[in-house]
């Protein structure tokens, strides 16, 4: 069917408390699926070691970010801790129009905004850790943040996890291979939804007519 009909792309959102594994899952999906691209967010936070501007994030200052927001150039935006994040509208809309799926690593605030503005294109998944202890261990082992930031992220995790009912799917990430397989299965099923296939009615009528 995919070889006959064009399909509108979808927006696949992965959200979770920091350290629950969504970034690892996202990287695996991107490496294995050529029709899935990462939506690169704009952010006002400083670059971390190893991050590349334009690949990991579009790093910008607060003045530029506010200009983008006021011009309606962001699909969603949110404040996380003391920094701002947002999704540039143009690249995403162009990708969906040509049938390319876009992967989003955003929080519940951004997901709410996408649901309001683009519900038909949205597929949302919330990733939960297997336990609070496992979450804290993962944050500590990352060694990216000082202890006070780890404590702040742990304190915020309970609030973030309270938003799980707002998502289409929930996955408990106890095993990364199994979690990746679950997300892949969800993506395959959502790609086959009839309302994403362009010209399906005309195609069926042609089959009925013997074409």
N, C-alpha and C. Protein backbone atom coordinates (compact mmCIF):
# COMPACT_ATOMS: atom_id res chain seq x y z
N UNK A 1 0.83 -1.21 0.00
CA UNK A 1 0.00 0.00 0.00
C UNK A 1 0.86 1.26 0.00
N UNK A 2 1.96 1.23 0.79
CA UNK A 2 2.81 2.41 0.85
C UNK A 2 3.44 2.72 -0.50
N UNK A 3 3.63 1.67 -1.36
CA UNK A 3 4.23 1.90 -2.67
C UNK A 3 3.23 2.50 -3.64
N UNK A 4 1.94 2.45 -3.30
CA UNK A 4 0.90 2.95 -4.18
C UNK A 4 0.44 4.34 -3.75
N UNK A 5 0.26 4.52 -2.44
CA UNK A 5 -0.29 5.77 -1.91
C UNK A 5 0.76 6.59 -1.19
N UNK A 6 0.63 7.89 -1.31
CA UNK A 6 1.43 8.80 -0.52
C UNK A 6 0.84 8.88 0.88
N UNK A 7 1.69 9.20 1.84
CA UNK A 7 1.25 9.30 3.24
C UNK A 7 1.73 10.62 3.83
N UNK A 8 0.84 11.26 4.59
CA UNK A 8 1.28 12.44 5.33
C UNK A 8 2.12 11.98 6.51
N UNK A 9 3.20 12.72 6.78
CA UNK A 9 4.05 12.38 7.91
C UNK A 9 3.35 12.60 9.24
N UNK A 10 3.92 12.04 10.29
CA UNK A 10 3.37 12.21 11.63
C UNK A 10 4.44 12.77 12.57
N UNK A 11 3.99 13.29 13.69
CA UNK A 11 4.87 13.80 14.73
C UNK A 11 4.87 12.80 15.88
N UNK A 12 6.00 12.14 16.11
CA UNK A 12 6.13 11.16 17.18
C UNK A 12 6.82 11.82 18.36
N UNK A 13 6.09 11.98 19.46
CA UNK A 13 6.61 12.64 20.65
C UNK A 13 7.01 11.61 21.70
N UNK A 14 8.22 11.73 22.20
CA UNK A 14 8.67 10.96 23.35
C UNK A 14 8.89 11.92 24.51
N UNK A 15 8.24 11.67 25.62
CA UNK A 15 8.44 12.49 26.82
C UNK A 15 8.73 11.57 28.00
N UNK A 16 9.45 12.12 28.99
CA UNK A 16 9.74 11.35 30.20
C UNK A 16 10.43 12.26 31.19
N UNK A 17 10.52 11.85 32.44
CA UNK A 17 11.41 12.56 33.37
C UNK A 17 12.84 12.43 32.86
N UNK A 18 13.67 13.40 33.16
CA UNK A 18 15.07 13.34 32.76
C UNK A 18 15.71 12.09 33.34
N UNK A 19 16.36 11.29 32.48
CA UNK A 19 17.03 10.08 32.93
C UNK A 19 16.24 8.80 32.74
N UNK A 20 15.01 8.90 32.23
CA UNK A 20 14.19 7.70 32.08
C UNK A 20 14.51 6.91 30.82
N UNK A 21 15.31 7.49 29.91
CA UNK A 21 15.77 6.73 28.76
C UNK A 21 15.25 7.16 27.41
N UNK A 22 14.52 8.27 27.34
CA UNK A 22 13.93 8.64 26.05
C UNK A 22 14.98 9.01 25.01
N UNK A 23 16.10 9.60 25.44
CA UNK A 23 17.13 9.98 24.47
C UNK A 23 17.79 8.75 23.86
N UNK A 24 18.03 7.74 24.67
CA UNK A 24 18.61 6.48 24.16
C UNK A 24 17.65 5.82 23.17
N UNK A 25 16.37 5.79 23.52
CA UNK A 25 15.36 5.21 22.63
C UNK A 25 15.31 5.99 21.32
N UNK A 26 15.32 7.31 21.42
CA UNK A 26 15.26 8.15 20.23
C UNK A 26 16.44 7.89 19.30
N UNK A 27 17.63 7.78 19.86
CA UNK A 27 18.81 7.55 19.03
C UNK A 27 18.74 6.20 18.31
N UNK A 28 18.23 5.18 18.97
CA UNK A 28 18.08 3.87 18.35
C UNK A 28 17.08 3.93 17.20
N UNK A 29 15.96 4.61 17.42
CA UNK A 29 14.94 4.71 16.37
C UNK A 29 15.49 5.44 15.15
N UNK A 30 16.20 6.53 15.39
CA UNK A 30 16.74 7.32 14.28
C UNK A 30 17.78 6.54 13.49
N UNK A 31 18.56 5.71 14.16
CA UNK A 31 19.59 4.93 13.49
C UNK A 31 18.99 3.81 12.64
N UNK A 32 17.80 3.35 13.01
CA UNK A 32 17.20 2.18 12.36
C UNK A 32 16.11 2.53 11.35
N UNK A 33 15.66 3.78 11.32
CA UNK A 33 14.51 4.13 10.48
C UNK A 33 14.84 5.35 9.63
N UNK A 34 14.99 5.13 8.33
CA UNK A 34 15.39 6.22 7.44
C UNK A 34 14.28 7.23 7.19
N UNK A 35 13.03 6.88 7.51
CA UNK A 35 11.93 7.83 7.29
C UNK A 35 11.59 8.61 8.56
N UNK A 36 12.49 8.58 9.53
CA UNK A 36 12.28 9.30 10.78
C UNK A 36 13.43 10.27 11.00
N UNK A 37 13.09 11.54 11.14
CA UNK A 37 14.09 12.58 11.40
C UNK A 37 13.82 13.22 12.76
N UNK A 38 14.88 13.73 13.36
CA UNK A 38 14.74 14.40 14.65
C UNK A 38 14.38 15.86 14.44
N UNK A 39 13.36 16.30 15.15
CA UNK A 39 13.04 17.73 15.16
C UNK A 39 14.02 18.42 16.09
N UNK A 40 14.75 19.37 15.56
CA UNK A 40 15.78 20.06 16.35
C UNK A 40 15.17 21.30 16.99
N UNK A 41 15.13 21.30 18.32
CA UNK A 41 14.53 22.41 19.06
C UNK A 41 15.48 23.58 19.18
N UNK A 42 14.91 24.75 19.34
CA UNK A 42 15.69 25.93 19.72
C UNK A 42 15.70 26.01 21.24
N UNK A 43 16.81 26.44 21.81
CA UNK A 43 16.89 26.55 23.27
C UNK A 43 17.81 27.70 23.68
N UNK A 44 17.54 28.22 24.85
CA UNK A 44 18.38 29.28 25.41
C UNK A 44 19.41 28.73 26.39
N UNK A 45 19.41 27.41 26.62
CA UNK A 45 20.37 26.88 27.58
C UNK A 45 21.74 26.74 26.94
N UNK A 46 22.81 26.77 27.74
CA UNK A 46 24.17 26.63 27.20
C UNK A 46 24.40 25.23 26.64
N UNK A 47 25.34 25.15 25.71
CA UNK A 47 25.71 23.85 25.16
C UNK A 47 26.40 23.00 26.22
N UNK A 48 26.09 21.69 26.20
CA UNK A 48 26.81 20.75 27.04
C UNK A 48 27.99 20.19 26.26
N UNK A 49 28.97 19.61 26.94
CA UNK A 49 30.12 19.03 26.23
C UNK A 49 29.68 18.01 25.19
N UNK A 50 30.21 18.17 23.98
CA UNK A 50 29.92 17.23 22.90
C UNK A 50 28.72 17.59 22.05
N UNK A 51 27.91 18.55 22.48
CA UNK A 51 26.74 18.94 21.70
C UNK A 51 27.14 19.82 20.52
N UNK A 52 26.38 19.70 19.43
CA UNK A 52 26.67 20.46 18.21
C UNK A 52 25.47 21.33 17.87
N UNK A 53 25.70 22.60 17.65
CA UNK A 53 24.63 23.52 17.29
C UNK A 53 24.05 23.14 15.93
N UNK A 54 22.72 23.09 15.85
CA UNK A 54 22.04 22.71 14.63
C UNK A 54 21.80 21.22 14.51
N UNK A 55 22.45 20.44 15.37
CA UNK A 55 22.26 18.99 15.38
C UNK A 55 21.52 18.58 16.65
N UNK A 56 22.07 18.97 17.79
CA UNK A 56 21.41 18.66 19.06
C UNK A 56 20.32 19.70 19.37
N UNK A 57 20.67 20.95 19.22
CA UNK A 57 19.73 22.06 19.41
C UNK A 57 20.16 23.23 18.54
N UNK A 58 19.23 24.14 18.30
CA UNK A 58 19.58 25.45 17.78
C UNK A 58 19.78 26.34 19.00
N UNK A 59 21.03 26.60 19.37
CA UNK A 59 21.31 27.38 20.57
C UNK A 59 21.17 28.87 20.25
N UNK A 60 20.40 29.56 21.08
CA UNK A 60 20.11 30.96 20.82
C UNK A 60 20.00 31.72 22.13
N UNK A 61 19.89 33.03 22.05
CA UNK A 61 19.72 33.83 23.26
C UNK A 61 18.24 34.11 23.48
N UNK A 62 17.89 34.65 24.63
CA UNK A 62 16.49 34.86 24.98
C UNK A 62 15.82 35.90 24.08
N UNK A 63 16.57 36.89 23.63
CA UNK A 63 15.99 37.92 22.76
C UNK A 63 15.56 37.31 21.43
N UNK A 64 16.44 36.51 20.82
CA UNK A 64 16.11 35.86 19.56
C UNK A 64 14.96 34.87 19.73
N UNK A 65 14.98 34.14 20.83
CA UNK A 65 13.92 33.18 21.09
C UNK A 65 12.57 33.89 21.19
N UNK A 66 12.52 35.00 21.91
CA UNK A 66 11.27 35.76 22.05
C UNK A 66 10.80 36.31 20.71
N UNK A 67 11.72 36.70 19.83
CA UNK A 67 11.33 37.17 18.50
C UNK A 67 10.68 36.05 17.71
N UNK A 68 11.25 34.85 17.77
CA UNK A 68 10.67 33.70 17.08
C UNK A 68 9.27 33.41 17.62
N UNK A 69 9.12 33.50 18.91
CA UNK A 69 7.82 33.24 19.54
C UNK A 69 6.78 34.27 19.10
N UNK A 70 7.16 35.54 19.12
CA UNK A 70 6.22 36.61 18.76
C UNK A 70 5.84 36.57 17.29
N UNK A 71 6.70 36.04 16.44
CA UNK A 71 6.40 35.94 15.00
C UNK A 71 5.59 34.69 14.65
N UNK A 72 5.29 33.87 15.65
CA UNK A 72 4.55 32.64 15.39
C UNK A 72 5.37 31.58 14.72
N UNK A 73 6.68 31.62 14.91
CA UNK A 73 7.58 30.69 14.23
C UNK A 73 7.83 29.41 15.03
N UNK A 74 7.17 29.25 16.18
CA UNK A 74 7.37 28.07 17.01
C UNK A 74 6.06 27.28 17.12
N UNK A 75 6.13 25.98 16.88
CA UNK A 75 4.96 25.12 17.04
C UNK A 75 4.59 24.95 18.50
N UNK A 76 5.58 24.92 19.36
CA UNK A 76 5.36 24.80 20.81
C UNK A 76 6.58 25.41 21.50
N UNK A 77 6.39 25.78 22.75
CA UNK A 77 7.50 26.29 23.53
C UNK A 77 7.24 26.03 25.01
N UNK A 78 8.30 25.99 25.77
CA UNK A 78 8.15 25.73 27.20
C UNK A 78 9.37 26.25 27.94
N UNK A 79 9.15 26.55 29.20
CA UNK A 79 10.26 26.88 30.10
C UNK A 79 10.54 25.66 30.96
N UNK A 80 11.77 25.20 30.94
CA UNK A 80 12.20 24.05 31.72
C UNK A 80 13.35 24.50 32.61
N UNK A 81 13.10 24.44 33.92
CA UNK A 81 14.05 25.01 34.88
C UNK A 81 14.21 26.49 34.53
N UNK A 82 15.41 26.98 34.22
CA UNK A 82 15.57 28.41 33.94
C UNK A 82 15.78 28.69 32.46
N UNK A 83 15.54 27.69 31.60
CA UNK A 83 15.80 27.86 30.18
C UNK A 83 14.53 27.67 29.35
N UNK A 84 14.55 28.18 28.11
CA UNK A 84 13.41 28.08 27.22
C UNK A 84 13.73 27.14 26.06
N UNK A 85 12.70 26.40 25.63
CA UNK A 85 12.82 25.46 24.52
C UNK A 85 11.65 25.67 23.58
N UNK A 86 11.85 25.45 22.28
CA UNK A 86 10.75 25.59 21.33
C UNK A 86 11.05 24.87 20.03
N UNK A 87 9.99 24.50 19.30
CA UNK A 87 10.13 23.78 18.04
C UNK A 87 9.87 24.72 16.86
N UNK A 88 10.88 24.98 16.01
CA UNK A 88 10.65 25.80 14.81
C UNK A 88 9.59 25.17 13.91
N UNK A 89 8.64 25.97 13.46
CA UNK A 89 7.49 25.49 12.72
C UNK A 89 7.82 25.07 11.27
N UNK A 90 8.59 25.87 10.57
CA UNK A 90 8.81 25.67 9.14
C UNK A 90 9.34 24.29 8.76
N UNK A 91 10.46 23.85 9.34
CA UNK A 91 11.02 22.55 8.95
C UNK A 91 10.09 21.38 9.21
N UNK A 92 9.32 21.44 10.31
CA UNK A 92 8.40 20.34 10.64
C UNK A 92 7.26 20.26 9.63
N UNK A 93 6.64 21.38 9.33
CA UNK A 93 5.51 21.38 8.41
C UNK A 93 5.94 20.94 7.01
N UNK A 94 7.14 21.34 6.60
CA UNK A 94 7.64 20.92 5.28
C UNK A 94 7.87 19.41 5.25
N UNK A 95 8.41 18.87 6.33
CA UNK A 95 8.67 17.43 6.40
C UNK A 95 7.38 16.62 6.36
N UNK A 96 6.39 17.02 7.14
CA UNK A 96 5.13 16.28 7.17
C UNK A 96 4.47 16.29 5.79
N UNK A 97 4.55 17.39 5.09
CA UNK A 97 3.93 17.50 3.77
C UNK A 97 4.53 16.53 2.77
N UNK A 98 5.81 16.23 2.91
CA UNK A 98 6.44 15.30 1.96
C UNK A 98 6.46 13.86 2.48
N UNK A 99 5.73 13.59 3.58
CA UNK A 99 5.61 12.23 4.09
C UNK A 99 6.69 11.81 5.06
N UNK A 100 7.49 12.75 5.51
CA UNK A 100 8.56 12.45 6.45
C UNK A 100 8.04 12.53 7.88
N UNK A 101 8.35 11.52 8.70
CA UNK A 101 7.96 11.53 10.10
C UNK A 101 9.00 12.27 10.92
N UNK A 102 8.54 12.99 11.95
CA UNK A 102 9.44 13.78 12.78
C UNK A 102 9.35 13.31 14.23
N UNK A 103 10.50 13.14 14.85
CA UNK A 103 10.59 12.69 16.24
C UNK A 103 10.86 13.88 17.15
N UNK A 104 10.08 13.98 18.23
CA UNK A 104 10.20 15.09 19.16
C UNK A 104 10.60 14.58 20.54
N UNK A 105 11.61 15.20 21.12
CA UNK A 105 12.02 14.94 22.50
C UNK A 105 11.64 16.18 23.30
N UNK A 106 10.36 16.24 23.73
CA UNK A 106 9.85 17.43 24.42
C UNK A 106 9.09 17.01 25.68
N UNK A 107 8.81 17.98 26.53
CA UNK A 107 8.13 17.66 27.79
C UNK A 107 6.61 17.79 27.63
N UNK A 108 5.90 17.59 28.73
CA UNK A 108 4.44 17.58 28.71
C UNK A 108 3.86 18.93 28.31
N UNK A 109 4.55 20.02 28.63
CA UNK A 109 4.04 21.34 28.26
C UNK A 109 4.00 21.50 26.74
N UNK A 110 5.10 21.12 26.08
CA UNK A 110 5.14 21.19 24.63
C UNK A 110 4.16 20.24 23.98
N UNK A 111 4.01 19.06 24.57
CA UNK A 111 3.07 18.08 24.01
C UNK A 111 1.64 18.59 24.08
N UNK A 112 1.27 19.25 25.16
CA UNK A 112 -0.06 19.84 25.26
C UNK A 112 -0.31 20.84 24.14
N UNK A 113 0.69 21.66 23.85
CA UNK A 113 0.53 22.66 22.80
C UNK A 113 0.42 22.02 21.42
N UNK A 114 1.20 20.97 21.17
CA UNK A 114 1.08 20.27 19.89
C UNK A 114 -0.29 19.62 19.75
N UNK A 115 -0.81 19.10 20.85
CA UNK A 115 -2.14 18.47 20.81
C UNK A 115 -3.20 19.50 20.43
N UNK A 116 -3.05 20.70 20.92
CA UNK A 116 -4.03 21.75 20.61
C UNK A 116 -3.93 22.22 19.16
N UNK A 117 -2.73 22.24 18.61
CA UNK A 117 -2.55 22.83 17.28
C UNK A 117 -2.46 21.80 16.15
N UNK A 118 -2.12 20.53 16.48
CA UNK A 118 -1.90 19.56 15.40
C UNK A 118 -2.25 18.16 15.86
N UNK A 119 -3.44 17.98 16.46
CA UNK A 119 -3.79 16.70 17.06
C UNK A 119 -3.78 15.55 16.05
N UNK A 120 -4.22 15.79 14.83
CA UNK A 120 -4.31 14.70 13.86
C UNK A 120 -2.94 14.17 13.44
N UNK A 121 -1.91 15.00 13.58
CA UNK A 121 -0.56 14.59 13.19
C UNK A 121 0.24 14.00 14.36
N UNK A 122 -0.31 14.06 15.56
CA UNK A 122 0.45 13.76 16.77
C UNK A 122 0.28 12.32 17.25
N UNK A 123 1.39 11.68 17.59
CA UNK A 123 1.41 10.40 18.29
C UNK A 123 2.32 10.59 19.50
N UNK A 124 1.77 10.47 20.71
CA UNK A 124 2.56 10.80 21.90
C UNK A 124 2.78 9.57 22.78
N UNK A 125 4.02 9.43 23.26
CA UNK A 125 4.41 8.30 24.11
C UNK A 125 5.13 8.84 25.34
N UNK A 126 4.70 8.38 26.52
CA UNK A 126 5.38 8.77 27.76
C UNK A 126 6.21 7.59 28.25
N UNK A 127 7.49 7.87 28.55
CA UNK A 127 8.42 6.84 29.01
C UNK A 127 8.57 6.96 30.53
N UNK A 128 8.28 5.87 31.24
CA UNK A 128 8.44 5.83 32.69
C UNK A 128 9.65 4.99 33.08
N UNK A 129 10.33 5.34 34.17
CA UNK A 129 11.40 4.48 34.67
C UNK A 129 10.79 3.30 35.43
N UNK A 130 11.54 2.21 35.60
CA UNK A 130 11.00 1.08 36.35
C UNK A 130 10.86 1.36 37.84
N UNK A 131 11.62 2.32 38.36
CA UNK A 131 11.54 2.69 39.77
C UNK A 131 12.19 4.05 39.98
N UNK A 132 11.89 4.69 41.10
CA UNK A 132 12.51 5.97 41.43
C UNK A 132 14.01 5.80 41.64
N UNK A 133 14.38 4.69 42.27
CA UNK A 133 15.81 4.44 42.51
C UNK A 133 16.57 4.30 41.20
N UNK A 134 15.98 3.60 40.25
CA UNK A 134 16.64 3.44 38.95
C UNK A 134 16.81 4.79 38.25
N UNK A 135 15.82 5.65 38.39
CA UNK A 135 15.89 6.98 37.78
C UNK A 135 17.05 7.77 38.38
N UNK A 136 17.17 7.76 39.68
CA UNK A 136 18.25 8.50 40.35
C UNK A 136 19.61 7.95 39.96
N UNK A 137 19.73 6.63 39.86
CA UNK A 137 21.00 6.02 39.47
C UNK A 137 21.40 6.43 38.06
N UNK A 138 20.42 6.47 37.15
CA UNK A 138 20.72 6.87 35.77
C UNK A 138 21.18 8.32 35.70
N UNK A 139 20.53 9.19 36.45
CA UNK A 139 20.92 10.60 36.45
C UNK A 139 22.32 10.78 37.01
N UNK A 140 22.63 10.05 38.06
CA UNK A 140 23.95 10.16 38.68
C UNK A 140 25.04 9.62 37.77
N UNK A 141 24.78 8.51 37.07
CA UNK A 141 25.78 7.90 36.22
C UNK A 141 26.06 8.72 34.95
N UNK A 142 25.09 9.56 34.56
CA UNK A 142 25.32 10.37 33.36
C UNK A 142 26.49 11.32 33.53
N UNK A 143 26.69 11.79 34.77
CA UNK A 143 27.80 12.69 35.11
C UNK A 143 27.80 13.97 34.28
N UNK A 144 26.61 14.38 33.84
CA UNK A 144 26.51 15.62 33.07
C UNK A 144 26.16 16.82 33.96
N UNK A 145 25.54 16.56 35.10
CA UNK A 145 25.05 17.62 35.95
C UNK A 145 25.61 17.49 37.37
N UNK A 146 25.81 18.62 38.06
CA UNK A 146 26.27 18.56 39.45
C UNK A 146 25.18 17.99 40.35
N UNK A 147 25.53 17.55 41.57
CA UNK A 147 24.57 16.92 42.46
C UNK A 147 23.32 17.75 42.73
N UNK A 148 23.47 19.06 42.81
CA UNK A 148 22.29 19.89 43.10
C UNK A 148 21.29 19.88 41.94
N UNK A 149 21.80 19.75 40.71
CA UNK A 149 20.90 19.67 39.56
C UNK A 149 20.21 18.31 39.51
N UNK A 150 20.95 17.25 39.86
CA UNK A 150 20.35 15.92 39.93
C UNK A 150 19.21 15.92 40.94
N UNK A 151 19.44 16.54 42.10
CA UNK A 151 18.40 16.62 43.13
C UNK A 151 17.20 17.41 42.63
N UNK A 152 17.46 18.47 41.87
CA UNK A 152 16.37 19.29 41.33
C UNK A 152 15.55 18.49 40.31
N UNK A 153 16.23 17.72 39.49
CA UNK A 153 15.53 16.91 38.49
C UNK A 153 14.70 15.81 39.16
N UNK A 154 15.22 15.22 40.22
CA UNK A 154 14.47 14.20 40.95
C UNK A 154 13.22 14.80 41.59
N UNK A 155 13.35 16.00 42.12
CA UNK A 155 12.20 16.66 42.74
C UNK A 155 11.12 16.97 41.71
N UNK A 156 11.55 17.27 40.49
CA UNK A 156 10.61 17.62 39.43
C UNK A 156 9.97 16.40 38.78
N UNK A 157 10.62 15.23 38.94
CA UNK A 157 10.17 14.03 38.24
C UNK A 157 8.75 13.63 38.61
N UNK A 158 8.39 13.77 39.89
CA UNK A 158 7.05 13.37 40.33
C UNK A 158 5.98 14.18 39.61
N UNK A 159 6.21 15.48 39.45
CA UNK A 159 5.25 16.32 38.73
C UNK A 159 5.18 15.94 37.26
N UNK A 160 6.34 15.69 36.66
CA UNK A 160 6.37 15.31 35.24
C UNK A 160 5.61 14.01 35.01
N UNK A 161 5.81 13.04 35.89
CA UNK A 161 5.17 11.74 35.72
C UNK A 161 3.66 11.80 35.92
N UNK A 162 3.17 12.83 36.59
CA UNK A 162 1.73 12.95 36.82
C UNK A 162 0.97 13.21 35.53
N UNK A 163 1.68 13.56 34.46
CA UNK A 163 1.02 13.89 33.18
C UNK A 163 0.88 12.69 32.26
N UNK A 164 1.21 11.47 32.73
CA UNK A 164 1.13 10.30 31.86
C UNK A 164 -0.25 10.09 31.24
N UNK A 165 -1.39 10.43 31.93
CA UNK A 165 -2.69 10.16 31.29
C UNK A 165 -2.96 10.99 30.04
N UNK A 166 -2.15 12.02 29.80
CA UNK A 166 -2.37 12.90 28.66
C UNK A 166 -1.78 12.32 27.36
N UNK A 167 -1.09 11.19 27.47
CA UNK A 167 -0.38 10.63 26.32
C UNK A 167 -1.16 9.47 25.70
N UNK A 168 -0.90 9.22 24.42
CA UNK A 168 -1.57 8.13 23.72
C UNK A 168 -1.08 6.77 24.22
N UNK A 169 0.21 6.68 24.53
CA UNK A 169 0.81 5.41 24.94
C UNK A 169 1.75 5.66 26.12
N UNK A 170 1.93 4.62 26.96
CA UNK A 170 2.88 4.68 28.07
C UNK A 170 3.74 3.42 28.03
N UNK A 171 5.06 3.61 28.16
CA UNK A 171 6.01 2.50 28.17
C UNK A 171 6.87 2.59 29.42
N UNK A 172 7.00 1.47 30.14
CA UNK A 172 7.90 1.40 31.29
C UNK A 172 9.24 0.87 30.81
N UNK A 173 10.25 1.71 30.89
CA UNK A 173 11.56 1.38 30.30
C UNK A 173 12.44 0.60 31.27
N UNK A 174 12.11 -0.66 31.46
CA UNK A 174 12.94 -1.55 32.29
C UNK A 174 14.03 -2.21 31.45
N UNK A 175 13.77 -2.38 30.15
CA UNK A 175 14.72 -3.00 29.23
C UNK A 175 14.73 -2.20 27.94
N UNK A 176 15.89 -1.67 27.59
CA UNK A 176 15.95 -0.73 26.47
C UNK A 176 15.58 -1.39 25.14
N UNK A 177 16.00 -2.64 24.92
CA UNK A 177 15.67 -3.32 23.66
C UNK A 177 14.16 -3.51 23.52
N UNK A 178 13.53 -3.91 24.61
CA UNK A 178 12.08 -4.11 24.58
C UNK A 178 11.36 -2.78 24.38
N UNK A 179 11.85 -1.73 25.02
CA UNK A 179 11.21 -0.42 24.88
C UNK A 179 11.31 0.09 23.45
N UNK A 180 12.47 -0.08 22.83
CA UNK A 180 12.64 0.34 21.44
C UNK A 180 11.69 -0.44 20.54
N UNK A 181 11.57 -1.74 20.78
CA UNK A 181 10.66 -2.57 19.98
C UNK A 181 9.22 -2.12 20.14
N UNK A 182 8.83 -1.73 21.34
CA UNK A 182 7.47 -1.24 21.57
C UNK A 182 7.21 0.06 20.82
N UNK A 183 8.14 0.98 20.88
CA UNK A 183 7.96 2.25 20.17
C UNK A 183 7.92 2.01 18.67
N UNK A 184 8.76 1.12 18.18
CA UNK A 184 8.77 0.82 16.75
C UNK A 184 7.42 0.23 16.31
N UNK A 185 6.85 -0.64 17.14
CA UNK A 185 5.54 -1.23 16.81
C UNK A 185 4.45 -0.16 16.78
N UNK A 186 4.50 0.76 17.72
CA UNK A 186 3.53 1.86 17.73
C UNK A 186 3.66 2.70 16.47
N UNK A 187 4.89 3.00 16.08
CA UNK A 187 5.13 3.82 14.89
C UNK A 187 4.62 3.13 13.64
N UNK A 188 4.86 1.84 13.50
CA UNK A 188 4.38 1.10 12.33
C UNK A 188 2.86 1.10 12.25
N UNK A 189 2.21 0.91 13.40
CA UNK A 189 0.75 0.90 13.41
C UNK A 189 0.18 2.27 13.07
N UNK A 190 0.77 3.32 13.62
CA UNK A 190 0.26 4.67 13.36
C UNK A 190 0.47 5.09 11.91
N UNK A 191 1.53 4.60 11.29
CA UNK A 191 1.77 4.91 9.88
C UNK A 191 0.70 4.30 8.99
N UNK A 192 0.09 3.23 9.44
CA UNK A 192 -0.92 2.52 8.64
C UNK A 192 -2.33 3.04 8.86
N UNK A 193 -2.51 4.03 9.71
CA UNK A 193 -3.85 4.57 9.95
C UNK A 193 -4.41 5.12 8.64
N UNK A 194 -5.70 4.83 8.40
CA UNK A 194 -6.28 5.19 7.11
C UNK A 194 -6.31 6.70 6.87
N UNK A 195 -6.43 7.50 7.95
CA UNK A 195 -6.50 8.94 7.75
C UNK A 195 -5.16 9.57 7.44
N UNK A 196 -4.08 8.79 7.48
CA UNK A 196 -2.78 9.33 7.08
C UNK A 196 -2.46 9.02 5.61
N UNK A 197 -3.24 8.12 5.00
CA UNK A 197 -2.99 7.73 3.61
C UNK A 197 -3.74 8.66 2.67
N UNK A 198 -3.02 9.33 1.81
CA UNK A 198 -3.61 10.32 0.92
C UNK A 198 -4.20 9.63 -0.31
N UNK A 199 -5.44 9.96 -0.63
CA UNK A 199 -6.09 9.40 -1.81
C UNK A 199 -6.58 7.98 -1.63
N UNK A 200 -6.77 7.53 -0.39
CA UNK A 200 -7.17 6.15 -0.15
C UNK A 200 -8.57 5.86 -0.71
N UNK A 201 -9.51 6.79 -0.53
CA UNK A 201 -10.85 6.58 -1.04
C UNK A 201 -10.87 6.38 -2.55
N UNK A 202 -10.13 7.21 -3.24
CA UNK A 202 -10.06 7.10 -4.70
C UNK A 202 -9.42 5.78 -5.12
N UNK A 203 -8.40 5.36 -4.37
CA UNK A 203 -7.73 4.10 -4.68
C UNK A 203 -8.68 2.91 -4.53
N UNK A 204 -9.47 2.92 -3.44
CA UNK A 204 -10.42 1.83 -3.21
C UNK A 204 -11.49 1.80 -4.28
N UNK A 205 -11.97 2.99 -4.67
CA UNK A 205 -12.99 3.05 -5.73
C UNK A 205 -12.43 2.49 -7.04
N UNK A 206 -11.14 2.73 -7.27
CA UNK A 206 -10.52 2.17 -8.45
C UNK A 206 -10.45 0.65 -8.40
N UNK A 207 -10.16 0.12 -7.20
CA UNK A 207 -10.17 -1.34 -7.06
C UNK A 207 -11.55 -1.93 -7.30
N UNK A 208 -12.56 -1.23 -6.77
CA UNK A 208 -13.94 -1.70 -6.95
C UNK A 208 -14.35 -1.67 -8.42
N UNK A 209 -13.76 -0.74 -9.15
CA UNK A 209 -14.09 -0.63 -10.57
C UNK A 209 -13.26 -1.58 -11.44
N UNK A 210 -12.40 -2.34 -10.78
CA UNK A 210 -11.61 -3.32 -11.52
C UNK A 210 -10.28 -2.80 -12.05
N UNK A 211 -9.84 -1.66 -11.57
CA UNK A 211 -8.56 -1.09 -12.06
C UNK A 211 -7.38 -1.75 -11.38
